[in-house]
C-alpha atoms as a PDB file:
ATOM      1  CA  MET A   1      61.994   8.204 142.529  1.00  0.00           C
ATOM      2  CA  PRO A   2      62.449  11.062 140.790  1.00  0.00           C
ATOM      3  CA  ILE A   3      59.595  14.139 141.389  1.00  0.00           C
ATOM      4  CA  GLY A   4      59.281  13.881 137.681  1.00  0.00           C
ATOM      5  CA  LYS A   5      58.195  10.629 137.286  1.00  0.00           C
ATOM      6  CA  ALA A   6      56.228  11.098 140.634  1.00  0.00           C
ATOM      7  CA  VAL A   7      54.519  13.574 138.738  1.00  0.00           C
ATOM      8  CA  LEU A   8      53.155  11.405 135.952  1.00  0.00           C
ATOM      9  CA  ASP A   9      52.581   8.450 138.003  1.00  0.00           C
ATOM     10  CA  LEU A  10      50.345  10.872 140.224  1.00  0.00           C
ATOM     11  CA  ILE A  11      48.328  12.070 136.871  1.00  0.00           C
ATOM     12  CA  GLU A  12      48.041   8.803 135.082  1.00  0.00           C
ATOM     13  CA  ALA A  13      46.818   7.626 138.626  1.00  0.00           C
ATOM     14  CA  LYS A  14      44.495  10.670 138.826  1.00  0.00           C
ATOM     15  CA  THR A  15      43.500  10.060 134.862  1.00  0.00           C
ATOM     16  CA  ALA A  16      42.414   6.460 135.591  1.00  0.00           C
ATOM     17  CA  GLN A  17      40.498   7.762 138.406  1.00  0.00           C
ATOM     18  CA  SER A  18      38.179   9.546 136.091  1.00  0.00           C
ATOM     19  CA  ARG A  19      39.172  13.048 137.442  1.00  0.00           C
ATOM     20  CA  SER A  20      37.667  15.979 135.518  1.00  0.00           C
ATOM     21  CA  LYS A  21      39.534  17.649 133.086  1.00  0.00           C
ATOM     22  CA  ARG A  22      40.081  20.795 135.198  1.00  0.00           C
ATOM     23  CA  SER A  23      41.393  18.642 138.085  1.00  0.00           C
ATOM     24  CA  LEU A  24      43.800  17.443 136.095  1.00  0.00           C
ATOM     25  CA  GLY A  25      45.289  20.696 134.024  1.00  0.00           C
ATOM     26  CA  GLU A  26      45.518  21.768 137.505  1.00  0.00           C
ATOM     27  CA  LEU A  27      47.666  18.835 138.691  1.00  0.00           C
ATOM     28  CA  HIS A  28      49.421  18.985 135.546  1.00  0.00           C
ATOM     29  CA  SER A  29      50.013  23.405 136.152  1.00  0.00           C
ATOM     30  CA  ARG A  30      51.532  23.077 139.710  1.00  0.00           C
ATOM     31  CA  LEU A  31      53.339  19.548 139.537  1.00  0.00           C
ATOM     32  CA  SER A  32      54.980  20.159 136.511  1.00  0.00           C
ATOM     33  CA  ARG A  33      56.091  23.303 137.752  1.00  0.00           C
ATOM     34  CA  PHE A  34      57.115  21.527 140.921  1.00  0.00           C
ATOM     35  CA  ALA A  35      59.359  19.043 139.011  1.00  0.00           C
ATOM     36  CA  ALA A  36      60.520  21.801 136.728  1.00  0.00           C
ATOM     37  CA  ASP A  37      61.897  23.712 139.336  1.00  0.00           C
ATOM     38  CA  HIS A  38      63.724  20.349 141.363  1.00  0.00           C
ATOM     39  CA  PRO A  39      65.085  19.270 138.196  1.00  0.00           C
ATOM     40  CA  GLY A  40      66.937  15.519 139.584  1.00  0.00           C
ATOM     41  CA  GLN A  41      66.125  15.555 142.907  1.00  0.00           C
ATOM     42  CA  ASN A  42      63.873  12.631 144.636  1.00  0.00           C
ATOM     43  CA  LEU A  43      60.604  12.591 145.816  1.00  0.00           C
ATOM     44  CA  ALA A  44      62.467  11.551 149.452  1.00  0.00           C
ATOM     45  CA  GLU A  45      64.813  14.257 149.473  1.00  0.00           C
ATOM     46  CA  PHE A  46      61.724  16.446 150.492  1.00  0.00           C
ATOM     47  CA  THR A  47      61.370  17.364 153.898  1.00  0.00           C
ATOM     48  CA  THR A  48      58.008  19.973 155.019  1.00  0.00           C
ATOM     49  CA  THR A  49      59.718  22.617 155.782  1.00  0.00           C
ATOM     50  CA  GLY A  50      61.777  22.718 151.944  1.00  0.00           C
ATOM     51  CA  LEU A  51      57.942  21.888 150.683  1.00  0.00           C
ATOM     52  CA  GLN A  52      56.654  24.884 152.644  1.00  0.00           C
ATOM     53  CA  CYS A  53      59.630  26.809 151.728  1.00  0.00           C
ATOM     54  CA  TRP A  54      58.798  26.363 147.941  1.00  0.00           C
ATOM     55  CA  LEU A  55      54.855  27.193 148.214  1.00  0.00           C
ATOM     56  CA  ASP A  56      55.881  30.259 149.723  1.00  0.00           C
ATOM     57  CA  GLY A  57      57.787  31.211 147.103  1.00  0.00           C
ATOM     58  CA  LEU A  58      55.252  30.640 144.573  1.00  0.00           C
ATOM     59  CA  THR A  59      53.292  34.035 143.104  1.00  0.00           C
END
């Protein structure tokens, strides 16, 4: 599954769970950045090491 689609699906699911606007805003902000930094990649291509490297690079 493409990362961008996974992000949209997760936000949609959290919206359906009546999460707060603040929580949804945080998810959208962080996960959209992740998707933008990895265009065209599938979620299955990621490893925990790769994710940790991305997280470590955030400022």
